[in-house]
Amino acid sequence: MTQFTSKAIEESFIRLLNERPLDKITIKDIVDDCGISRNTFYYHFQDITALLEHVLNADVERVLSQHLDMDSWEDGFISAARFALENKRLVYHIYNSVSRERVERYLYSIAGEVMRLYVSRITEQVEHAAHKKVFPEDQKMVVDFYKFALVGMILDWLNTGMKKDPEELIRRVGEIFHGNIEAALTRVAR
């Protein structure tokens, strides 16, 4: 029952965030939407900020626990960011509230994990083909570069009103930079 109630609170919160900004959502709105008492809400979450952290962290954990299709980092990122892509208004409402840094942390976590997995897979291929080693600090530099570039583009997309299709944007970036990760890892292999 407790898990069911917690899930109902999360779903109400997500539904409300898709309708309006975070700072316009109250605990009363959430409890009215899911038909529970304020005490029940407080049994599960300290406040709305704790609920927000829980929702974002749960999605990051979902990403970390699944085996992403890593044929391309683009597919991996789209798969990992499914929640954000399906709830664009929610992300926009959180980002344009006092919780901007939470959205940024969430995006960096997802982009970082996708790039880490992809770079790790490509590193194995490069090392096998070149009979050389790619050192962890070089892998990390490649991961960080692409993580920051990807999140920067997404933040720009949020700041400019989310007019472009995010999947199309990610695929276009992938097309433009196709082969660069492999080339970078090949260059630093020793």
C-alpha atoms as a PDB file:
ATOM      1  CA  MET A   1       0.000   0.000   0.000  1.00  0.00           C
ATOM      2  CA  THR A   2       2.833   2.406   0.854  1.00  0.00           C
ATOM      3  CA  GLN A   3       4.508   1.907  -2.520  1.00  0.00           C
ATOM      4  CA  PHE A   4       1.139   2.344  -4.251  1.00  0.00           C
ATOM      5  CA  THR A   5       0.541   5.647  -2.424  1.00  0.00           C
ATOM      6  CA  SER A   6       4.033   6.896  -3.174  1.00  0.00           C
ATOM      7  CA  LYS A   7       3.533   6.068  -6.855  1.00  0.00           C
ATOM      8  CA  ALA A   8       0.164   7.887  -6.856  1.00  0.00           C
ATOM      9  CA  ILE A   9       1.836  10.986  -5.379  1.00  0.00           C
ATOM     10  CA  GLU A  10       4.583  10.844  -8.015  1.00  0.00           C
ATOM     11  CA  GLU A  11       2.070  10.449 -10.853  1.00  0.00           C
ATOM     12  CA  SER A  12      -0.035  13.377  -9.603  1.00  0.00           C
ATOM     13  CA  PHE A  13       3.074  15.522  -9.290  1.00  0.00           C
ATOM     14  CA  ILE A  14       4.218  14.623 -12.818  1.00  0.00           C
ATOM     15  CA  ARG A  15       0.745  15.321 -14.208  1.00  0.00           C
ATOM     16  CA  LEU A  16       0.631  18.720 -12.466  1.00  0.00           C
ATOM     17  CA  LEU A  17       4.170  19.603 -13.603  1.00  0.00           C
ATOM     18  CA  ASN A  18       3.135  18.944 -17.180  1.00  0.00           C
ATOM     19  CA  GLU A  19       0.356  21.516 -16.691  1.00  0.00           C
ATOM     20  CA  ARG A  20       2.039  24.331 -14.761  1.00  0.00           C
ATOM     21  CA  PRO A  21       5.300  25.634 -13.293  1.00  0.00           C
ATOM     22  CA  LEU A  22       6.789  24.037 -10.199  1.00  0.00           C
ATOM     23  CA  ASP A  23       6.345  27.175  -8.088  1.00  0.00           C
ATOM     24  CA  LYS A  24       2.599  27.111  -8.856  1.00  0.00           C
ATOM     25  CA  ILE A  25       2.141  23.594  -7.438  1.00  0.00           C
ATOM     26  CA  THR A  26       1.245  23.186  -3.790  1.00  0.00           C
ATOM     27  CA  ILE A  27       1.024  20.147  -1.575  1.00  0.00           C
ATOM     28  CA  LYS A  28      -2.727  20.776  -1.482  1.00  0.00           C
ATOM     29  CA  ASP A  29      -2.818  20.497  -5.293  1.00  0.00           C
ATOM     30  CA  ILE A  30      -1.007  17.163  -5.151  1.00  0.00           C
ATOM     31  CA  VAL A  31      -3.105  15.654  -2.358  1.00  0.00           C
ATOM     32  CA  ASP A  32      -6.340  16.827  -3.978  1.00  0.00           C
ATOM     33  CA  ASP A  33      -5.264  15.370  -7.310  1.00  0.00           C
ATOM     34  CA  CYS A  34      -4.460  11.927  -5.918  1.00  0.00           C
ATOM     35  CA  GLY A  35      -7.103  11.873  -3.173  1.00  0.00           C
ATOM     36  CA  ILE A  36      -4.922  11.540  -0.075  1.00  0.00           C
ATOM     37  CA  SER A  37      -4.457  13.571   3.101  1.00  0.00           C
ATOM     38  CA  ARG A  38      -1.637  16.026   3.762  1.00  0.00           C
ATOM     39  CA  ASN A  39      -0.398  13.711   6.524  1.00  0.00           C
ATOM     40  CA  THR A  40      -0.138  10.884   4.010  1.00  0.00           C
ATOM     41  CA  PHE A  41       1.914  13.108   1.707  1.00  0.00           C
ATOM     42  CA  TYR A  42       4.251  14.039   4.571  1.00  0.00           C
ATOM     43  CA  TYR A  43       4.598  10.383   5.528  1.00  0.00           C
ATOM     44  CA  HIS A  44       6.194   9.794   2.105  1.00  0.00           C
ATOM     45  CA  PHE A  45       7.937  13.092   1.333  1.00  0.00           C
ATOM     46  CA  GLN A  46       9.278  15.940   3.441  1.00  0.00           C
ATOM     47  CA  ASP A  47       8.164  18.590   0.937  1.00  0.00           C
ATOM     48  CA  ILE A  48       7.778  19.269  -2.780  1.00  0.00           C
ATOM     49  CA  THR A  49      11.540  19.644  -3.193  1.00  0.00           C
ATOM     50  CA  ALA A  50      12.074  16.149  -1.772  1.00  0.00           C
ATOM     51  CA  LEU A  51       9.392  14.806  -4.120  1.00  0.00           C
ATOM     52  CA  LEU A  52      11.068  16.506  -7.087  1.00  0.00           C
ATOM     53  CA  GLU A  53      14.460  15.040  -6.127  1.00  0.00           C
ATOM     54  CA  HIS A  54      12.847  11.615  -5.773  1.00  0.00           C
ATOM     55  CA  VAL A  55      11.212  11.770  -9.220  1.00  0.00           C
ATOM     56  CA  LEU A  56      14.406  12.925 -10.965  1.00  0.00           C
ATOM     57  CA  ASN A  57      16.649  10.486  -9.067  1.00  0.00           C
ATOM     58  CA  ALA A  58      14.290   7.597  -9.821  1.00  0.00           C
ATOM     59  CA  ASP A  59      14.634   8.313 -13.525  1.00  0.00           C
ATOM     60  CA  VAL A  60      18.430   8.525 -13.294  1.00  0.00           C
ATOM     61  CA  GLU A  61      18.420   5.179 -11.444  1.00  0.00           C
ATOM     62  CA  ARG A  62      16.191   3.719 -14.164  1.00  0.00           C
ATOM     63  CA  VAL A  63      18.757   4.810 -16.728  1.00  0.00           C
ATOM     64  CA  LEU A  64      21.648   3.355 -14.727  1.00  0.00           C
ATOM     65  CA  SER A  65      19.889   0.028 -14.203  1.00  0.00           C
ATOM     66  CA  GLN A  66      18.942  -0.648 -17.811  1.00  0.00           C
ATOM     67  CA  HIS A  67      21.207  -1.925 -20.523  1.00  0.00           C
ATOM     68  CA  LEU A  68      21.025   0.845 -23.070  1.00  0.00           C
ATOM     69  CA  ASP A  69      21.183   0.109 -26.774  1.00  0.00           C
ATOM     70  CA  MET A  70      24.616   1.494 -27.424  1.00  0.00           C
ATOM     71  CA  ASP A  71      24.939   1.081 -31.188  1.00  0.00           C
ATOM     72  CA  SER A  72      25.117   4.868 -31.150  1.00  0.00           C
ATOM     73  CA  TRP A  73      25.301   7.397 -28.357  1.00  0.00           C
ATOM     74  CA  GLU A  74      22.319   9.141 -29.959  1.00  0.00           C
ATOM     75  CA  ASP A  75      20.068   6.098 -29.548  1.00  0.00           C
ATOM     76  CA  GLY A  76      21.433   5.559 -26.053  1.00  0.00           C
ATOM     77  CA  PHE A  77      20.718   9.144 -25.056  1.00  0.00           C
ATOM     78  CA  ILE A  78      17.229   9.153 -26.564  1.00  0.00           C
ATOM     79  CA  SER A  79      16.456   5.883 -24.768  1.00  0.00           C
ATOM     80  CA  ALA A  80      17.898   7.163 -21.492  1.00  0.00           C
ATOM     81  CA  ALA A  81      16.175  10.533 -21.742  1.00  0.00           C
ATOM     82  CA  ARG A  82      12.791   9.040 -22.661  1.00  0.00           C
ATOM     83  CA  PHE A  83      11.156  10.446 -19.496  1.00  0.00           C
ATOM     84  CA  ALA A  84      12.376  13.982 -20.226  1.00  0.00           C
ATOM     85  CA  LEU A  85      11.443  13.755 -23.905  1.00  0.00           C
ATOM     86  CA  GLU A  86       7.948  12.504 -23.073  1.00  0.00           C
ATOM     87  CA  ASN A  87       7.509  15.204 -20.417  1.00  0.00           C
ATOM     88  CA  LYS A  88       8.994  18.263 -22.134  1.00  0.00           C
ATOM     89  CA  ARG A  89       6.638  20.679 -20.384  1.00  0.00           C
ATOM     90  CA  LEU A  90       7.516  19.177 -17.006  1.00  0.00           C
ATOM     91  CA  VAL A  91      11.248  19.671 -17.649  1.00  0.00           C
ATOM     92  CA  TYR A  92      10.579  23.197 -18.903  1.00  0.00           C
ATOM     93  CA  HIS A  93       8.502  24.038 -15.818  1.00  0.00           C
ATOM     94  CA  ILE A  94      11.164  22.719 -13.439  1.00  0.00           C
ATOM     95  CA  TYR A  95      13.967  24.409 -15.366  1.00  0.00           C
ATOM     96  CA  ASN A  96      12.201  27.784 -15.296  1.00  0.00           C
ATOM     97  CA  SER A  97      11.632  27.632 -11.557  1.00  0.00           C
ATOM     98  CA  VAL A  98      13.969  27.777  -8.605  1.00  0.00           C
ATOM     99  CA  SER A  99      15.052  24.205  -9.424  1.00  0.00           C
ATOM    100  CA  ARG A 100      17.097  24.912 -12.546  1.00  0.00           C
ATOM    101  CA  GLU A 101      20.212  23.328 -11.033  1.00  0.00           C
ATOM    102  CA  ARG A 102      18.272  20.098 -10.381  1.00  0.00           C
ATOM    103  CA  VAL A 103      17.395  19.816 -14.068  1.00  0.00           C
ATOM    104  CA  GLU A 104      21.022  20.455 -14.975  1.00  0.00           C
ATOM    105  CA  ARG A 105      22.231  17.755 -12.533  1.00  0.00           C
ATOM    106  CA  TYR A 106      19.640  15.359 -13.950  1.00  0.00           C
ATOM    107  CA  LEU A 107      20.737  16.025 -17.539  1.00  0.00           C
ATOM    108  CA  TYR A 108      24.446  15.748 -16.665  1.00  0.00           C
ATOM    109  CA  SER A 109      23.812  12.421 -14.907  1.00  0.00           C
ATOM    110  CA  ILE A 110      21.992  10.945 -17.876  1.00  0.00           C
ATOM    111  CA  ALA A 111      24.325  12.350 -20.546  1.00  0.00           C
ATOM    112  CA  GLY A 112      27.380  11.347 -18.526  1.00  0.00           C
ATOM    113  CA  GLU A 113      26.227   7.764 -18.105  1.00  0.00           C
ATOM    114  CA  VAL A 114      25.276   7.371 -21.763  1.00  0.00           C
ATOM    115  CA  MET A 115      28.598   8.796 -22.938  1.00  0.00           C
ATOM    116  CA  ARG A 116      30.556   6.717 -20.398  1.00  0.00           C
ATOM    117  CA  LEU A 117      28.932   3.507 -21.643  1.00  0.00           C
ATOM    118  CA  TYR A 118      29.399   4.421 -25.293  1.00  0.00           C
ATOM    119  CA  VAL A 119      33.010   5.580 -24.909  1.00  0.00           C
ATOM    120  CA  SER A 120      33.802   2.431 -22.939  1.00  0.00           C
ATOM    121  CA  ARG A 121      32.458   0.261 -25.766  1.00  0.00           C
ATOM    122  CA  ILE A 122      34.304   2.243 -28.449  1.00  0.00           C
ATOM    123  CA  THR A 123      37.500   2.159 -26.360  1.00  0.00           C
ATOM    124  CA  GLU A 124      37.403  -1.642 -26.368  1.00  0.00           C
ATOM    125  CA  GLN A 125      37.059  -1.644 -30.154  1.00  0.00           C
ATOM    126  CA  VAL A 126      39.886   0.877 -30.632  1.00  0.00           C
ATOM    127  CA  GLU A 127      42.204  -0.989 -28.255  1.00  0.00           C
ATOM    128  CA  HIS A 128      41.505  -4.279 -30.004  1.00  0.00           C
ATOM    129  CA  ALA A 129      42.015  -2.854 -33.505  1.00  0.00           C
ATOM    130  CA  ALA A 130      45.090  -0.739 -32.691  1.00  0.00           C
ATOM    131  CA  HIS A 131      46.660  -3.152 -30.158  1.00  0.00           C
ATOM    132  CA  LYS A 132      47.159  -0.109 -27.940  1.00  0.00           C
ATOM    133  CA  LYS A 133      45.703   1.177 -24.675  1.00  0.00           C
ATOM    134  CA  VAL A 134      43.422   4.165 -24.156  1.00  0.00           C
ATOM    135  CA  PHE A 135      44.053   5.470 -20.656  1.00  0.00           C
ATOM    136  CA  PRO A 136      41.110   6.148 -18.300  1.00  0.00           C
ATOM    137  CA  GLU A 137      41.919   9.874 -18.018  1.00  0.00           C
ATOM    138  CA  ASP A 138      41.682  10.186 -21.813  1.00  0.00           C
ATOM    139  CA  GLN A 139      38.384   8.281 -21.830  1.00  0.00           C
ATOM    140  CA  LYS A 140      37.075  10.599 -19.105  1.00  0.00           C
ATOM    141  CA  MET A 141      38.101  13.670 -21.090  1.00  0.00           C
ATOM    142  CA  VAL A 142      36.196  12.436 -24.159  1.00  0.00           C
ATOM    143  CA  VAL A 143      33.151  11.555 -22.012  1.00  0.00           C
ATOM    144  CA  ASP A 144      33.193  14.954 -20.295  1.00  0.00           C
ATOM    145  CA  PHE A 145      33.590  16.862 -23.562  1.00  0.00           C
ATOM    146  CA  TYR A 146      30.574  15.200 -25.160  1.00  0.00           C
ATOM    147  CA  LYS A 147      28.543  15.274 -21.941  1.00  0.00           C
ATOM    148  CA  PHE A 148      29.024  19.040 -21.587  1.00  0.00           C
ATOM    149  CA  ALA A 149      28.411  19.667 -25.293  1.00  0.00           C
ATOM    150  CA  LEU A 150      25.215  17.614 -25.297  1.00  0.00           C
ATOM    151  CA  VAL A 151      23.827  19.144 -22.100  1.00  0.00           C
ATOM    152  CA  GLY A 152      24.774  22.620 -23.354  1.00  0.00           C
ATOM    153  CA  MET A 153      22.714  22.047 -26.490  1.00  0.00           C
ATOM    154  CA  ILE A 154      19.760  20.786 -24.440  1.00  0.00           C
ATOM    155  CA  LEU A 155      19.945  23.771 -22.085  1.00  0.00           C
ATOM    156  CA  ASP A 156      20.016  26.081 -25.106  1.00  0.00           C
ATOM    157  CA  TRP A 157      16.972  24.222 -26.461  1.00  0.00           C
ATOM    158  CA  LEU A 158      15.192  24.825 -23.126  1.00  0.00           C
ATOM    159  CA  ASN A 159      16.217  28.504 -23.071  1.00  0.00           C
ATOM    160  CA  THR A 160      14.939  29.096 -26.602  1.00  0.00           C
ATOM    161  CA  GLY A 161      11.462  27.740 -25.951  1.00  0.00           C
ATOM    162  CA  MET A 162      11.863  24.087 -27.015  1.00  0.00           C
ATOM    163  CA  LYS A 163      10.811  24.806 -30.597  1.00  0.00           C
ATOM    164  CA  LYS A 164      12.875  22.077 -32.278  1.00  0.00           C
ATOM    165  CA  ASP A 165      12.147  18.379 -31.969  1.00  0.00           C
ATOM    166  CA  PRO A 166      14.675  17.134 -29.369  1.00  0.00           C
ATOM    167  CA  GLU A 167      15.169  13.728 -31.000  1.00  0.00           C
ATOM    168  CA  GLU A 168      15.856  15.410 -34.325  1.00  0.00           C
ATOM    169  CA  LEU A 169      18.326  17.778 -32.627  1.00  0.00           C
ATOM    170  CA  ILE A 170      20.189  14.875 -30.985  1.00  0.00           C
ATOM    171  CA  ARG A 171      20.312  12.933 -34.246  1.00  0.00           C
ATOM    172  CA  ARG A 172      21.581  16.008 -36.124  1.00  0.00           C
ATOM    173  CA  VAL A 173      24.381  16.503 -33.596  1.00  0.00           C
ATOM    174  CA  GLY A 174      25.235  12.825 -34.015  1.00  0.00           C
ATOM    175  CA  GLU A 175      25.333  13.214 -37.785  1.00  0.00           C
ATOM    176  CA  ILE A 176      27.595  16.268 -37.614  1.00  0.00           C
ATOM    177  CA  PHE A 177      30.052  14.662 -35.188  1.00  0.00           C
ATOM    178  CA  HIS A 178      29.854  11.117 -36.559  1.00  0.00           C
ATOM    179  CA  GLY A 179      33.166   9.302 -36.087  1.00  0.00           C
ATOM    180  CA  ASN A 180      34.768  11.955 -33.881  1.00  0.00           C
ATOM    181  CA  ILE A 181      34.690   9.870 -30.700  1.00  0.00           C
ATOM    182  CA  GLU A 182      36.340   6.941 -32.454  1.00  0.00           C
ATOM    183  CA  ALA A 183      38.915   9.255 -34.048  1.00  0.00           C
ATOM    184  CA  ALA A 184      39.727  10.942 -30.726  1.00  0.00           C
ATOM    185  CA  LEU A 185      40.180   7.613 -28.936  1.00  0.00           C
ATOM    186  CA  THR A 186      42.328   6.286 -31.785  1.00  0.00           C
ATOM    187  CA  ARG A 187      44.562   9.388 -31.601  1.00  0.00           C
ATOM    188  CA  VAL A 188      45.169   9.021 -27.852  1.00  0.00           C
ATOM    189  CA  ALA A 189      45.715   5.241 -27.869  1.00  0.00           C
ATOM    190  CA  ARG A 190      49.290   4.404 -26.784  1.00  0.00           C
END
